[in-house]
C-alpha atoms as a PDB file:
ATOM      1  CA  MET A   1      -0.029  -0.051   0.029  1.00  0.00           C
ATOM      2  CA  ALA A   2       1.316   3.483  -0.919  1.00  0.00           C
ATOM      3  CA  ASP A   3       1.350   6.323   1.676  1.00  0.00           C
ATOM      4  CA  GLN A   4      -1.360   8.831   0.769  1.00  0.00           C
ATOM      5  CA  PRO A   5      -2.033  12.244   2.152  1.00  0.00           C
ATOM      6  CA  VAL A   6      -4.923  12.326   4.734  1.00  0.00           C
ATOM      7  CA  GLY A   7      -6.268  15.916   4.213  1.00  0.00           C
ATOM      8  CA  GLN A   8      -8.808  14.923   1.619  1.00  0.00           C
ATOM      9  CA  ILE A   9      -9.659  11.630   3.361  1.00  0.00           C
ATOM     10  CA  LEU A  10     -10.403  13.479   6.726  1.00  0.00           C
ATOM     11  CA  ASP A  11     -12.413  16.148   4.755  1.00  0.00           C
ATOM     12  CA  ALA A  12     -14.413  13.481   2.987  1.00  0.00           C
ATOM     13  CA  LEU A  13     -15.150  12.000   6.391  1.00  0.00           C
ATOM     14  CA  GLY A  14     -16.401  15.307   7.853  1.00  0.00           C
ATOM     15  CA  VAL A  15     -13.689  15.795  10.336  1.00  0.00           C
ATOM     16  CA  THR A  16     -13.565  19.239  11.801  1.00  0.00           C
ATOM     17  CA  LEU A  17     -11.761  21.267  14.498  1.00  0.00           C
ATOM     18  CA  ASP A  18     -12.889  23.740  16.998  1.00  0.00           C
ATOM     19  CA  LEU A  19     -10.200  26.384  16.572  1.00  0.00           C
ATOM     20  CA  ASP A  20     -10.072  30.071  17.681  1.00  0.00           C
ATOM     21  CA  GLU A  21      -8.586  32.787  15.560  1.00  0.00           C
ATOM     22  CA  GLY A  22      -5.018  32.757  15.954  1.00  0.00           C
ATOM     23  CA  ASP A  23      -4.699  29.085  16.966  1.00  0.00           C
ATOM     24  CA  MET A  24      -1.875  27.492  14.989  1.00  0.00           C
ATOM     25  CA  PRO A  25      -1.948  23.631  14.612  1.00  0.00           C
ATOM     26  CA  VAL A  26       1.554  22.404  14.786  1.00  0.00           C
ATOM     27  CA  ASP A  27       1.272  18.457  14.860  1.00  0.00           C
ATOM     28  CA  ALA A  28      -1.238  15.895  14.081  1.00  0.00           C
ATOM     29  CA  HIS A  29      -1.928  12.227  14.979  1.00  0.00           C
ATOM     30  CA  ALA A  30      -4.623  10.479  12.964  1.00  0.00           C
ATOM     31  CA  ILE A  31      -6.070   7.153  13.735  1.00  0.00           C
ATOM     32  CA  MET A  32      -8.468   5.635  11.168  1.00  0.00           C
ATOM     33  CA  LYS A  33     -10.540   2.740  11.008  1.00  0.00           C
ATOM     34  CA  ILE A  34     -10.355   0.775   7.697  1.00  0.00           C
ATOM     35  CA  VAL A  35     -12.506  -1.832   6.090  1.00  0.00           C
ATOM     36  CA  LYS A  36     -10.334  -3.813   3.661  1.00  0.00           C
ATOM     37  CA  ALA A  37     -11.456  -5.228   0.333  1.00  0.00           C
ATOM     38  CA  ASP A  38     -11.966  -8.586   1.962  1.00  0.00           C
ATOM     39  CA  GLY A  39     -14.128  -7.194   4.705  1.00  0.00           C
ATOM     40  CA  THR A  40     -11.560  -7.238   7.428  1.00  0.00           C
ATOM     41  CA  VAL A  41     -11.241  -4.277   9.717  1.00  0.00           C
ATOM     42  CA  SER A  42      -8.078  -2.775  10.953  1.00  0.00           C
ATOM     43  CA  LEU A  43      -6.692   0.474  12.344  1.00  0.00           C
ATOM     44  CA  VAL A  44      -3.955   2.656  10.703  1.00  0.00           C
ATOM     45  CA  LYS A  45      -2.419   5.663  12.098  1.00  0.00           C
ATOM     46  CA  ALA A  46      -0.359   8.643  10.613  1.00  0.00           C
ATOM     47  CA  VAL A  47       1.495  11.419  12.191  1.00  0.00           C
ATOM     48  CA  SER A  48       2.883  14.728  11.123  1.00  0.00           C
ATOM     49  CA  GLU A  49       6.616  14.766   9.992  1.00  0.00           C
ATOM     50  CA  SER A  50       7.811  16.615  13.074  1.00  0.00           C
ATOM     51  CA  LEU A  51       5.869  14.654  15.762  1.00  0.00           C
ATOM     52  CA  ASP A  52       8.276  12.600  18.103  1.00  0.00           C
ATOM     53  CA  TRP A  53       7.328   9.461  19.899  1.00  0.00           C
ATOM     54  CA  ILE A  54       7.127  11.227  23.284  1.00  0.00           C
ATOM     55  CA  THR A  55       4.622  13.830  22.130  1.00  0.00           C
ATOM     56  CA  THR A  56       2.815  11.088  20.215  1.00  0.00           C
ATOM     57  CA  LEU A  57       2.313   9.162  23.421  1.00  0.00           C
ATOM     58  CA  GLY A  58       1.327  12.358  25.208  1.00  0.00           C
ATOM     59  CA  MET A  59      -1.297  13.278  22.695  1.00  0.00           C
ATOM     60  CA  LEU A  60      -2.754   9.850  22.846  1.00  0.00           C
ATOM     61  CA  THR A  61      -2.798   9.726  26.625  1.00  0.00           C
ATOM     62  CA  ALA A  62      -4.527  13.253  26.703  1.00  0.00           C
ATOM     63  CA  ALA A  63      -7.011  12.077  24.143  1.00  0.00           C
ATOM     64  CA  LEU A  64      -7.860   9.123  26.198  1.00  0.00           C
ATOM     65  CA  GLU A  65      -8.407  11.395  29.302  1.00  0.00           C
ATOM     66  CA  ILE A  66     -10.739  13.618  27.239  1.00  0.00           C
ATOM     67  CA  GLU A  67     -12.675  10.770  25.740  1.00  0.00           C
ATOM     68  CA  ASN A  68     -13.014   9.234  29.145  1.00  0.00           C
ATOM     69  CA  GLY A  69     -14.352  12.396  30.779  1.00  0.00           C
ATOM     70  CA  GLY A  70     -11.475  12.865  33.105  1.00  0.00           C
ATOM     71  CA  TYR A  71     -10.020  16.079  31.711  1.00  0.00           C
ATOM     72  CA  VAL A  72     -11.044  19.452  33.151  1.00  0.00           C
ATOM     73  CA  ASP A  73      -9.807  22.632  31.568  1.00  0.00           C
ATOM     74  CA  SER A  74      -9.025  24.687  34.717  1.00  0.00           C
ATOM     75  CA  ARG A  75      -9.210  27.953  32.806  1.00  0.00           C
ATOM     76  CA  ASN A  76     -12.953  27.326  32.243  1.00  0.00           C
ATOM     77  CA  ASP A  77     -13.678  25.682  35.412  1.00  0.00           C
ATOM     78  CA  ASP A  78     -15.933  27.945  37.717  1.00  0.00           C
END
């Protein structure tokens, strides 16, 4: 399988981000569920060129916290 840019794939899947004006994305880690031609399902991942393994692990850990409801943004906590 050849490497493919994921921008158009993410667009086609309707992936969006909630960014404020002036926010500057600097790294990305994408995880996608793939259904192969034979019907099997797998996961694939892609990262931006500058993303090192420590930051990748940190992003995954933070994403799990957010998904599991354990993250609280103290700036917005009243």
